[in-house]
Amino acid sequence: MSTINMSDFLHKEISGEEIIRLWFNASIFHSDIDKRKRLKTMNNLLSENLSSSFLFLTVFKAGAPVGLLYKTIENLSAGNFMISVPDDYIKYDKKNL
């Protein structure tokens, strides 16, 4: 078992992927002892509230493409083969209208 100290986090970027891994593997789905120690160290540096806020924002941001995909295909059915595309994704060219 490795030891985790504060210097593992100082002057380093913590990616959203790392935050998800730490939270999910340390406490939500698994009980990985090393990840739990690393999460505790990060929470001591940032505070648990800030760390969990980063987790929420990371998961929310990661889910945005899924929401867009849903909005695009939500009306698909055996009788409807049309997809919806948000207006801000369509570039109008006056020559082609």
Protein backbone atom coordinates (compact mmCIF):
# COMPACT_ATOMS: atom_id res chain seq x y z
CA MET A 1 0.00 0.00 0.00
CA SER A 2 1.46 3.34 -1.04
CA THR A 3 1.46 6.43 1.14
CA ILE A 4 -0.15 9.58 -0.16
CA ASN A 5 1.02 13.00 0.91
CA MET A 6 0.02 16.56 0.15
CA SER A 7 2.84 17.05 -2.35
CA ASP A 8 1.05 14.62 -4.69
CA PHE A 9 -1.50 17.38 -5.34
CA LEU A 10 0.50 20.60 -4.95
CA HIS A 11 1.26 22.49 -8.17
CA LYS A 12 -0.49 19.86 -10.28
CA GLU A 13 -3.69 19.96 -12.26
CA ILE A 14 -6.33 17.49 -11.21
CA SER A 15 -8.35 16.38 -14.21
CA GLY A 16 -12.06 15.75 -14.16
CA GLU A 17 -11.28 12.13 -14.95
CA GLU A 18 -9.09 11.89 -11.84
CA ILE A 19 -11.79 13.46 -9.66
CA ILE A 20 -14.37 10.97 -10.93
CA ARG A 21 -11.98 8.06 -10.40
CA LEU A 22 -11.16 9.15 -6.85
CA TRP A 23 -14.75 9.73 -5.75
CA PHE A 24 -16.25 6.71 -7.48
CA ASN A 25 -13.50 4.27 -6.55
CA ALA A 26 -12.95 5.58 -3.03
CA SER A 27 -16.45 5.84 -1.72
CA ILE A 28 -19.36 5.65 -4.14
CA PHE A 29 -18.98 2.26 -5.87
CA HIS A 30 -15.83 0.67 -4.47
CA SER A 31 -13.70 0.85 -1.39
CA ASP A 32 -10.25 1.18 -2.89
CA ILE A 33 -8.03 1.96 0.13
CA ASP A 34 -5.38 3.86 -1.87
CA LYS A 35 -8.01 5.96 -3.66
CA ARG A 36 -9.74 6.63 -0.32
CA LYS A 37 -6.45 7.98 1.12
CA ARG A 38 -5.84 10.07 -2.00
CA LEU A 39 -9.40 11.46 -1.87
CA LYS A 40 -9.00 12.29 1.82
CA THR A 41 -5.76 14.13 1.06
CA MET A 42 -7.40 16.07 -1.77
CA ASN A 43 -10.39 16.91 0.45
CA ASN A 44 -8.00 18.17 3.14
CA LEU A 45 -6.45 20.51 0.58
CA LEU A 46 -9.63 21.69 -1.11
CA SER A 47 -12.36 20.90 1.44
CA GLU A 48 -14.88 18.15 0.89
CA ASN A 49 -17.53 20.65 -0.28
CA LEU A 50 -15.29 22.05 -3.01
CA SER A 51 -14.12 18.58 -4.03
CA SER A 52 -17.69 17.27 -4.28
CA SER A 53 -18.67 20.40 -6.25
CA PHE A 54 -15.89 19.62 -8.73
CA LEU A 55 -17.25 16.08 -8.97
CA PHE A 56 -20.77 17.36 -9.67
CA LEU A 57 -19.59 19.83 -12.31
CA THR A 58 -17.40 17.21 -13.99
CA VAL A 59 -20.20 14.64 -14.16
CA PHE A 60 -22.68 17.32 -15.29
CA LYS A 61 -20.33 18.49 -18.06
CA ALA A 62 -19.66 14.90 -19.15
CA GLY A 63 -23.41 14.28 -19.39
CA ALA A 64 -24.12 17.29 -21.63
CA PRO A 65 -23.45 15.41 -24.90
CA VAL A 66 -25.83 12.66 -23.78
CA GLY A 67 -28.54 15.25 -23.19
CA LEU A 68 -27.93 16.77 -26.63
CA LEU A 69 -28.10 13.33 -28.23
CA TYR A 70 -31.39 12.65 -26.43
CA LYS A 71 -32.89 15.95 -27.63
CA THR A 72 -31.80 15.07 -31.17
CA ILE A 73 -33.38 11.60 -31.28
CA GLU A 74 -36.23 11.82 -28.75
CA ASN A 75 -38.95 11.95 -31.45
CA LEU A 76 -37.62 9.01 -33.47
CA SER A 77 -40.12 6.20 -33.87
CA ALA A 78 -41.14 3.53 -36.37
CA GLY A 79 -43.20 6.17 -38.20
CA ASN A 80 -40.91 9.16 -37.70
CA PHE A 81 -37.37 9.04 -39.07
CA MET A 82 -36.68 12.75 -38.56
CA ILE A 83 -34.16 13.99 -36.02
CA SER A 84 -34.21 17.36 -34.33
CA VAL A 85 -31.24 19.70 -34.64
CA PRO A 86 -31.04 22.83 -32.48
CA ASP A 87 -31.29 26.05 -34.51
CA ASP A 88 -27.97 27.32 -33.21
CA TYR A 89 -26.23 24.35 -34.90
CA ILE A 90 -27.61 25.24 -38.34
CA LYS A 91 -25.64 27.78 -40.31
CA TYR A 92 -27.84 29.68 -42.75
CA ASP A 93 -26.36 30.77 -46.03
CA LYS A 94 -28.56 33.30 -47.79
CA LYS A 95 -27.37 32.04 -51.19
CA ASN A 96 -28.82 28.59 -50.53
CA LEU A 97 -32.24 29.74 -49.22
